[in-house]
PDB file of all heavy atoms in Angstrom:
ATOM      1  N   CYS A   1       1.653  -3.262   7.396  1.00  0.00           N
ATOM      2  CA  CYS A   1       1.950  -4.206   8.471  1.00  0.00           C
ATOM      3  C   CYS A   1       3.336  -4.787   8.213  1.00  0.00           C
ATOM      4  O   CYS A   1       3.886  -4.659   7.113  1.00  0.00           O
ATOM      5  CB  CYS A   1       0.902  -5.316   8.570  1.00  0.00           C
ATOM      6  SG  CYS A   1       1.025  -6.583   7.301  1.00  0.00           S
ATOM      7  N   CYS A   2       3.891  -5.448   9.222  1.00  0.00           N
ATOM      8  CA  CYS A   2       5.249  -5.964   9.105  1.00  0.00           C
ATOM      9  C   CYS A   2       5.349  -7.133   8.136  1.00  0.00           C
ATOM     10  O   CYS A   2       6.443  -7.514   7.726  1.00  0.00           O
ATOM     11  CB  CYS A   2       5.789  -6.368  10.470  1.00  0.00           C
ATOM     12  SG  CYS A   2       4.912  -7.749  11.243  1.00  0.00           S
ATOM     13  N   ALA A   3       4.192  -7.700   7.750  1.00  0.00           N
ATOM     14  CA  ALA A   3       4.195  -8.851   6.846  1.00  0.00           C
ATOM     15  C   ALA A   3       3.906  -8.463   5.401  1.00  0.00           C
ATOM     16  O   ALA A   3       3.844  -9.331   4.530  1.00  0.00           O
ATOM     17  CB  ALA A   3       3.174  -9.888   7.316  1.00  0.00           C
ATOM     18  N   GLY A   4       3.719  -7.182   5.140  1.00  0.00           N
ATOM     19  CA  GLY A   4       3.401  -6.743   3.782  1.00  0.00           C
ATOM     20  C   GLY A   4       4.425  -7.212   2.767  1.00  0.00           C
ATOM     21  O   GLY A   4       5.633  -7.044   2.968  1.00  0.00           O
ATOM     22  N   GLY A   5       3.964  -7.798   1.674  1.00  0.00           N
ATOM     23  CA  GLY A   5       4.856  -8.438   0.707  1.00  0.00           C
ATOM     24  C   GLY A   5       5.666  -7.498  -0.147  1.00  0.00           C
ATOM     25  O   GLY A   5       6.637  -7.906  -0.779  1.00  0.00           O
ATOM     26  N   PHE A   6       5.304  -6.234  -0.191  1.00  0.00           N
ATOM     27  CA  PHE A   6       6.100  -5.264  -0.942  1.00  0.00           C
ATOM     28  C   PHE A   6       5.953  -3.891  -0.294  1.00  0.00           C
ATOM     29  O   PHE A   6       5.007  -3.631   0.463  1.00  0.00           O
ATOM     30  CB  PHE A   6       5.693  -5.206  -2.419  1.00  0.00           C
ATOM     31  CG  PHE A   6       4.226  -4.985  -2.671  1.00  0.00           C
ATOM     32  CD1 PHE A   6       3.649  -3.716  -2.553  1.00  0.00           C
ATOM     33  CD2 PHE A   6       3.418  -6.046  -3.034  1.00  0.00           C
ATOM     34  CE1 PHE A   6       2.306  -3.514  -2.792  1.00  0.00           C
ATOM     35  CE2 PHE A   6       2.057  -5.856  -3.267  1.00  0.00           C
ATOM     36  CZ  PHE A   6       1.497  -4.586  -3.144  1.00  0.00           C
ATOM     37  N   LYS A   7       6.910  -3.030  -0.574  1.00  0.00           N
ATOM     38  CA  LYS A   7       6.898  -1.687   0.010  1.00  0.00           C
ATOM     39  C   LYS A   7       6.006  -0.771  -0.827  1.00  0.00           C
ATOM     40  O   LYS A   7       6.000  -0.842  -2.056  1.00  0.00           O
ATOM     41  CB  LYS A   7       8.322  -1.140   0.073  1.00  0.00           C
ATOM     42  CG  LYS A   7       9.241  -1.959   0.965  1.00  0.00           C
ATOM     43  CD  LYS A   7      10.687  -1.490   0.866  1.00  0.00           C
ATOM     44  CE  LYS A   7      11.606  -2.393   1.684  1.00  0.00           C
ATOM     45  NZ  LYS A   7      13.034  -2.005   1.549  1.00  0.00           N
ATOM     46  N   LEU A   8       5.291   0.085  -0.138  1.00  0.00           N
ATOM     47  CA  LEU A   8       4.395   1.035  -0.797  1.00  0.00           C
ATOM     48  C   LEU A   8       5.103   2.334  -1.115  1.00  0.00           C
ATOM     49  O   LEU A   8       4.601   3.154  -1.887  1.00  0.00           O
ATOM     50  CB  LEU A   8       3.194   1.315   0.112  1.00  0.00           C
ATOM     51  CG  LEU A   8       2.436   0.075   0.581  1.00  0.00           C
ATOM     52  CD1 LEU A   8       1.483   0.432   1.706  1.00  0.00           C
ATOM     53  CD2 LEU A   8       1.695  -0.560  -0.586  1.00  0.00           C
ATOM     54  N   GLY A   9       6.255   2.523  -0.543  1.00  0.00           N
ATOM     55  CA  GLY A   9       7.060   3.717  -0.739  1.00  0.00           C
ATOM     56  C   GLY A   9       8.199   3.678   0.251  1.00  0.00           C
ATOM     57  O   GLY A   9       8.391   2.684   0.965  1.00  0.00           O
ATOM     58  N   ASN A  10       8.957   4.762   0.321  1.00  0.00           N
ATOM     59  CA  ASN A  10      10.067   4.848   1.261  1.00  0.00           C
ATOM     60  C   ASN A  10      10.080   6.235   1.870  1.00  0.00           C
ATOM     61  O   ASN A  10       9.997   7.244   1.160  1.00  0.00           O
ATOM     62  CB  ASN A  10      11.398   4.558   0.578  1.00  0.00           C
ATOM     63  CG  ASN A  10      12.525   4.348   1.568  1.00  0.00           C
ATOM     64  OD1 ASN A  10      12.938   5.282   2.267  1.00  0.00           O
ATOM     65  ND2 ASN A  10      13.025   3.117   1.656  1.00  0.00           N
ATOM     66  N   ILE A  11      10.171   6.282   3.178  1.00  0.00           N
ATOM     67  CA  ILE A  11      10.076   7.557   3.875  1.00  0.00           C
ATOM     68  C   ILE A  11      11.222   8.499   3.526  1.00  0.00           C
ATOM     69  O   ILE A  11      11.135   9.712   3.724  1.00  0.00           O
ATOM     70  CB  ILE A  11       9.993   7.330   5.402  1.00  0.00           C
ATOM     71  CG1 ILE A  11       9.431   8.580   6.082  1.00  0.00           C
ATOM     72  CG2 ILE A  11      11.348   6.915   5.966  1.00  0.00           C
ATOM     73  CD1 ILE A  11       9.045   8.364   7.515  1.00  0.00           C
ATOM     74  N   ASN A  12      12.306   7.947   2.988  1.00  0.00           N
ATOM     75  CA  ASN A  12      13.432   8.782   2.580  1.00  0.00           C
ATOM     76  C   ASN A  12      13.139   9.578   1.311  1.00  0.00           C
ATOM     77  O   ASN A  12      13.785  10.601   1.048  1.00  0.00           O
ATOM     78  CB  ASN A  12      14.676   7.914   2.365  1.00  0.00           C
ATOM     79  CG  ASN A  12      15.149   7.255   3.643  1.00  0.00           C
ATOM     80  OD1 ASN A  12      15.407   7.944   4.635  1.00  0.00           O
ATOM     81  ND2 ASN A  12      15.261   5.943   3.645  1.00  0.00           N
ATOM     82  N   THR A  13      12.168   9.122   0.533  1.00  0.00           N
ATOM     83  CA  THR A  13      11.862   9.777  -0.745  1.00  0.00           C
ATOM     84  C   THR A  13      10.383  10.128  -0.909  1.00  0.00           C
ATOM     85  O   THR A  13      10.040  10.937  -1.774  1.00  0.00           O
ATOM     86  CB  THR A  13      12.275   8.870  -1.922  1.00  0.00           C
ATOM     87  OG1 THR A  13      11.633   7.592  -1.775  1.00  0.00           O
ATOM     88  CG2 THR A  13      13.785   8.666  -1.946  1.00  0.00           C
ATOM     89  N   ASP A  14       9.506   9.521  -0.111  1.00  0.00           N
ATOM     90  CA  ASP A  14       8.065   9.704  -0.268  1.00  0.00           C
ATOM     91  C   ASP A  14       7.433  10.182   1.032  1.00  0.00           C
ATOM     92  O   ASP A  14       7.960   9.952   2.112  1.00  0.00           O
ATOM     93  CB  ASP A  14       7.390   8.389  -0.683  1.00  0.00           C
ATOM     94  CG  ASP A  14       8.055   7.744  -1.880  1.00  0.00           C
ATOM     95  OD1 ASP A  14       8.143   8.405  -2.922  1.00  0.00           O
ATOM     96  OD2 ASP A  14       8.490   6.578  -1.755  1.00  0.00           O
ATOM     97  N   SER A  15       6.293  10.812   0.902  1.00  0.00           N
ATOM     98  CA  SER A  15       5.508  11.115   2.103  1.00  0.00           C
ATOM     99  C   SER A  15       4.746   9.864   2.513  1.00  0.00           C
ATOM    100  O   SER A  15       4.453   8.997   1.684  1.00  0.00           O
ATOM    101  CB  SER A  15       4.530  12.256   1.829  1.00  0.00           C
ATOM    102  OG  SER A  15       3.487  11.830   0.957  1.00  0.00           O
ATOM    103  N   ILE A  16       4.431   9.772   3.793  1.00  0.00           N
ATOM    104  CA  ILE A  16       3.649   8.634   4.275  1.00  0.00           C
ATOM    105  C   ILE A  16       2.279   8.644   3.606  1.00  0.00           C
ATOM    106  O   ILE A  16       1.753   7.602   3.212  1.00  0.00           O
ATOM    107  CB  ILE A  16       3.513   8.679   5.810  1.00  0.00           C
ATOM    108  CG1 ILE A  16       4.895   8.565   6.469  1.00  0.00           C
ATOM    109  CG2 ILE A  16       2.603   7.554   6.304  1.00  0.00           C
ATOM    110  CD1 ILE A  16       4.882   8.730   7.972  1.00  0.00           C
ATOM    111  N   GLU A  17       1.713   9.837   3.459  1.00  0.00           N
ATOM    112  CA  GLU A  17       0.390   9.957   2.860  1.00  0.00           C
ATOM    113  C   GLU A  17       0.362   9.420   1.438  1.00  0.00           C
ATOM    114  O   GLU A  17      -0.581   8.707   1.055  1.00  0.00           O
ATOM    115  CB  GLU A  17      -0.058  11.429   2.874  1.00  0.00           C
ATOM    116  CG  GLU A  17      -0.367  11.976   4.248  1.00  0.00           C
ATOM    117  CD  GLU A  17       0.863  12.471   5.003  1.00  0.00           C
ATOM    118  OE1 GLU A  17       1.998  12.294   4.495  1.00  0.00           O
ATOM    119  OE2 GLU A  17       0.702  13.027   6.100  1.00  0.00           O
ATOM    120  N   SER A  18       1.385   9.735   0.647  1.00  0.00           N
ATOM    121  CA  SER A  18       1.395   9.274  -0.743  1.00  0.00           C
ATOM    122  C   SER A  18       1.546   7.761  -0.830  1.00  0.00           C
ATOM    123  O   SER A  18       0.953   7.108  -1.687  1.00  0.00           O
ATOM    124  CB  SER A  18       2.526   9.960  -1.524  1.00  0.00           C
ATOM    125  OG  SER A  18       3.805   9.565  -1.035  1.00  0.00           O
ATOM    126  N   ALA A  19       2.335   7.176   0.088  1.00  0.00           N
ATOM    127  CA  ALA A  19       2.507   5.721   0.081  1.00  0.00           C
ATOM    128  C   ALA A  19       1.196   5.013   0.425  1.00  0.00           C
ATOM    129  O   ALA A  19       0.841   4.007  -0.191  1.00  0.00           O
ATOM    130  CB  ALA A  19       3.596   5.322   1.072  1.00  0.00           C
ATOM    131  N   LEU A  20       0.468   5.569   1.394  1.00  0.00           N
ATOM    132  CA  LEU A  20      -0.768   4.927   1.841  1.00  0.00           C
ATOM    133  C   LEU A  20      -1.938   5.158   0.883  1.00  0.00           C
ATOM    134  O   LEU A  20      -2.990   4.528   1.031  1.00  0.00           O
ATOM    135  CB  LEU A  20      -1.137   5.423   3.239  1.00  0.00           C
ATOM    136  CG  LEU A  20      -0.133   5.051   4.343  1.00  0.00           C
ATOM    137  CD1 LEU A  20      -0.545   5.657   5.677  1.00  0.00           C
ATOM    138  CD2 LEU A  20       0.015   3.537   4.470  1.00  0.00           C
ATOM    139  N   SER A  21      -1.751   6.045  -0.082  1.00  0.00           N
ATOM    140  CA  SER A  21      -2.782   6.254  -1.107  1.00  0.00           C
ATOM    141  C   SER A  21      -2.298   5.785  -2.477  1.00  0.00           C
ATOM    142  O   SER A  21      -2.900   6.122  -3.493  1.00  0.00           O
ATOM    143  CB  SER A  21      -3.180   7.734  -1.167  1.00  0.00           C
ATOM    144  OG  SER A  21      -2.061   8.540  -1.517  1.00  0.00           O
ATOM    145  N   SER A  22      -1.227   5.003  -2.497  1.00  0.00           N
ATOM    146  CA  SER A  22      -0.627   4.556  -3.752  1.00  0.00           C
ATOM    147  C   SER A  22      -1.552   3.608  -4.510  1.00  0.00           C
ATOM    148  O   SER A  22      -2.356   2.891  -3.902  1.00  0.00           O
ATOM    149  CB  SER A  22       0.699   3.849  -3.480  1.00  0.00           C
ATOM    150  OG  SER A  22       0.480   2.640  -2.782  1.00  0.00           O
ATOM    151  N   PRO A  23      -1.468   3.589  -5.832  1.00  0.00           N
ATOM    152  CA  PRO A  23      -2.279   2.656  -6.628  1.00  0.00           C
ATOM    153  C   PRO A  23      -2.065   1.195  -6.224  1.00  0.00           C
ATOM    154  O   PRO A  23      -3.004   0.399  -6.269  1.00  0.00           O
ATOM    155  CB  PRO A  23      -1.794   2.927  -8.062  1.00  0.00           C
ATOM    156  CG  PRO A  23      -1.302   4.342  -8.034  1.00  0.00           C
ATOM    157  CD  PRO A  23      -0.682   4.510  -6.679  1.00  0.00           C
ATOM    158  N   LYS A  24      -0.834   0.857  -5.812  1.00  0.00           N
ATOM    159  CA  LYS A  24      -0.563  -0.534  -5.412  1.00  0.00           C
ATOM    160  C   LYS A  24      -1.410  -0.927  -4.202  1.00  0.00           C
ATOM    161  O   LYS A  24      -1.970  -2.024  -4.146  1.00  0.00           O
ATOM    162  CB  LYS A  24       0.930  -0.710  -5.095  1.00  0.00           C
ATOM    163  CG  LYS A  24       1.841  -0.651  -6.306  1.00  0.00           C
ATOM    164  CD  LYS A  24       3.249  -1.130  -5.986  1.00  0.00           C
ATOM    165  CE  LYS A  24       3.958  -0.223  -5.005  1.00  0.00           C
ATOM    166  NZ  LYS A  24       5.377  -0.646  -4.811  1.00  0.00           N
ATOM    167  N   LEU A  25      -1.498  -0.026  -3.223  1.00  0.00           N
ATOM    168  CA  LEU A  25      -2.274  -0.349  -2.024  1.00  0.00           C
ATOM    169  C   LEU A  25      -3.771  -0.299  -2.315  1.00  0.00           C
ATOM    170  O   LEU A  25      -4.542  -1.081  -1.751  1.00  0.00           O
ATOM    171  CB  LEU A  25      -1.918   0.603  -0.887  1.00  0.00           C
ATOM    172  CG  LEU A  25      -2.566   0.294   0.470  1.00  0.00           C
ATOM    173  CD1 LEU A  25      -2.276  -1.139   0.915  1.00  0.00           C
ATOM    174  CD2 LEU A  25      -2.098   1.277   1.541  1.00  0.00           C
ATOM    175  N   GLN A  26      -4.190   0.602  -3.183  1.00  0.00           N
ATOM    176  CA  GLN A  26      -5.600   0.648  -3.556  1.00  0.00           C
ATOM    177  C   GLN A  26      -6.021  -0.660  -4.226  1.00  0.00           C
ATOM    178  O   GLN A  26      -7.135  -1.153  -4.007  1.00  0.00           O
ATOM    179  CB  GLN A  26      -5.863   1.844  -4.468  1.00  0.00           C
ATOM    180  CG  GLN A  26      -5.785   3.172  -3.735  1.00  0.00           C
ATOM    181  CD  GLN A  26      -6.044   4.356  -4.630  1.00  0.00           C
ATOM    182  OE1 GLN A  26      -6.026   4.246  -5.858  1.00  0.00           O
ATOM    183  NE2 GLN A  26      -6.276   5.514  -4.035  1.00  0.00           N
ATOM    184  N   LYS A  27      -5.116  -1.228  -5.000  1.00  0.00           N
ATOM    185  CA  LYS A  27      -5.398  -2.511  -5.644  1.00  0.00           C
ATOM    186  C   LYS A  27      -5.532  -3.614  -4.593  1.00  0.00           C
ATOM    187  O   LYS A  27      -6.393  -4.505  -4.713  1.00  0.00           O
ATOM    188  CB  LYS A  27      -4.281  -2.849  -6.638  1.00  0.00           C
ATOM    189  CG  LYS A  27      -4.557  -4.083  -7.481  1.00  0.00           C
ATOM    190  CD  LYS A  27      -3.445  -4.294  -8.507  1.00  0.00           C
ATOM    191  CE  LYS A  27      -3.715  -5.553  -9.345  1.00  0.00           C
ATOM    192  NZ  LYS A  27      -2.630  -5.781 -10.332  1.00  0.00           N
ATOM    193  N   VAL A  28      -4.690  -3.578  -3.565  1.00  0.00           N
ATOM    194  CA  VAL A  28      -4.787  -4.542  -2.464  1.00  0.00           C
ATOM    195  C   VAL A  28      -6.145  -4.410  -1.777  1.00  0.00           C
ATOM    196  O   VAL A  28      -6.824  -5.404  -1.507  1.00  0.00           O
ATOM    197  CB  VAL A  28      -3.647  -4.325  -1.444  1.00  0.00           C
ATOM    198  CG1 VAL A  28      -3.886  -5.154  -0.177  1.00  0.00           C
ATOM    199  CG2 VAL A  28      -2.300  -4.701  -2.058  1.00  0.00           C
ATOM    200  N   ARG A  29      -6.544  -3.175  -1.502  1.00  0.00           N
ATOM    201  CA  ARG A  29      -7.835  -2.949  -0.838  1.00  0.00           C
ATOM    202  C   ARG A  29      -8.991  -3.463  -1.684  1.00  0.00           C
ATOM    203  O   ARG A  29      -9.939  -4.074  -1.167  1.00  0.00           O
ATOM    204  CB  ARG A  29      -8.012  -1.460  -0.547  1.00  0.00           C
ATOM    205  CG  ARG A  29      -7.029  -0.898   0.470  1.00  0.00           C
ATOM    206  CD  ARG A  29      -7.358   0.542   0.820  1.00  0.00           C
ATOM    207  NE  ARG A  29      -6.315   1.144   1.652  1.00  0.00           N
ATOM    208  CZ  ARG A  29      -5.584   2.196   1.304  1.00  0.00           C
ATOM    209  NH1 ARG A  29      -5.769   2.787   0.136  1.00  0.00           N
ATOM    210  NH2 ARG A  29      -4.666   2.670   2.120  1.00  0.00           N
ATOM    211  N   GLN A  30      -8.923  -3.217  -2.971  1.00  0.00           N
ATOM    212  CA  GLN A  30      -9.997  -3.665  -3.865  1.00  0.00           C
ATOM    213  C   GLN A  30     -10.124  -5.181  -3.851  1.00  0.00           C
ATOM    214  O   GLN A  30     -11.235  -5.722  -3.855  1.00  0.00           O
ATOM    215  CB  GLN A  30      -9.725  -3.153  -5.281  1.00  0.00           C
ATOM    216  CG  GLN A  30      -9.897  -1.649  -5.427  1.00  0.00           C
ATOM    217  CD  GLN A  30      -9.278  -1.093  -6.701  1.00  0.00           C
ATOM    218  OE1 GLN A  30      -8.787  -1.850  -7.551  1.00  0.00           O
ATOM    219  NE2 GLN A  30      -9.274   0.219  -6.844  1.00  0.00           N
ATOM    220  N   SER A  31      -8.986  -5.873  -3.806  1.00  0.00           N
ATOM    221  CA  SER A  31      -9.005  -7.332  -3.757  1.00  0.00           C
ATOM    222  C   SER A  31      -9.598  -7.825  -2.445  1.00  0.00           C
ATOM    223  O   SER A  31     -10.428  -8.741  -2.419  1.00  0.00           O
ATOM    224  CB  SER A  31      -7.588  -7.880  -3.939  1.00  0.00           C
ATOM    225  OG  SER A  31      -7.569  -9.283  -3.836  1.00  0.00           O
ATOM    226  N   ILE A  32      -9.188  -7.212  -1.341  1.00  0.00           N
ATOM    227  CA  ILE A  32      -9.670  -7.639  -0.027  1.00  0.00           C
ATOM    228  C   ILE A  32     -11.163  -7.363   0.112  1.00  0.00           C
ATOM    229  O   ILE A  32     -11.894  -8.135   0.745  1.00  0.00           O
ATOM    230  CB  ILE A  32      -8.855  -6.958   1.090  1.00  0.00           C
ATOM    231  CG1 ILE A  32      -7.418  -7.510   1.098  1.00  0.00           C
ATOM    232  CG2 ILE A  32      -9.499  -7.168   2.455  1.00  0.00           C
ATOM    233  CD1 ILE A  32      -6.502  -6.862   2.100  1.00  0.00           C
ATOM    234  N   LYS A  33     -11.639  -6.283  -0.482  1.00  0.00           N
ATOM    235  CA  LYS A  33     -13.080  -5.993  -0.439  1.00  0.00           C
ATOM    236  C   LYS A  33     -13.893  -7.082  -1.141  1.00  0.00           C
ATOM    237  O   LYS A  33     -15.072  -7.289  -0.839  1.00  0.00           O
ATOM    238  CB  LYS A  33     -13.358  -4.630  -1.081  1.00  0.00           C
ATOM    239  CG  LYS A  33     -12.971  -3.463  -0.176  1.00  0.00           C
ATOM    240  CD  LYS A  33     -13.045  -2.139  -0.900  1.00  0.00           C
ATOM    241  CE  LYS A  33     -14.464  -1.795  -1.290  1.00  0.00           C
ATOM    242  NZ  LYS A  33     -14.543  -0.464  -1.948  1.00  0.00           N
ATOM    243  N   LYS A  34     -13.253  -7.807  -2.044  1.00  0.00           N
ATOM    244  CA  LYS A  34     -13.906  -8.939  -2.715  1.00  0.00           C
ATOM    245  C   LYS A  34     -13.759 -10.234  -1.912  1.00  0.00           C
ATOM    246  O   LYS A  34     -14.203 -11.296  -2.343  1.00  0.00           O
ATOM    247  CB  LYS A  34     -13.313  -9.126  -4.108  1.00  0.00           C
ATOM    248  CG  LYS A  34     -13.549  -7.950  -5.049  1.00  0.00           C
ATOM    249  CD  LYS A  34     -12.825  -8.172  -6.378  1.00  0.00           C
ATOM    250  CE  LYS A  34     -12.976  -6.967  -7.296  1.00  0.00           C
ATOM    251  NZ  LYS A  34     -12.208  -7.135  -8.564  1.00  0.00           N
ATOM    252  N   GLY A  35     -13.100 -10.126  -0.753  1.00  0.00           N
ATOM    253  CA  GLY A  35     -12.916 -11.300   0.096  1.00  0.00           C
ATOM    254  C   GLY A  35     -11.690 -12.113  -0.248  1.00  0.00           C
ATOM    255  O   GLY A  35     -11.582 -13.282   0.145  1.00  0.00           O
ATOM    256  N   ILE A  36     -10.736 -11.514  -0.965  1.00  0.00           N
ATOM    257  CA  ILE A  36      -9.567 -12.256  -1.431  1.00  0.00           C
ATOM    258  C   ILE A  36      -8.283 -11.571  -0.947  1.00  0.00           C
ATOM    259  O   ILE A  36      -8.071 -10.382  -1.198  1.00  0.00           O
ATOM    260  CB  ILE A  36      -9.550 -12.349  -2.969  1.00  0.00           C
ATOM    261  CG1 ILE A  36     -10.787 -13.098  -3.468  1.00  0.00           C
ATOM    262  CG2 ILE A  36      -8.284 -13.046  -3.451  1.00  0.00           C
ATOM    263  CD1 ILE A  36     -10.957 -13.065  -4.967  1.00  0.00           C
TER     264      ILE A  36
END
């Protein structure tokens, strides 16, 4: 989203798929699943 606090990757060097499956984003999802 446009408010995301950090970049998950860059389209100039990464695939969109790899950015959206990155460990950083998985950690975000895990936190949100806990309600945080």
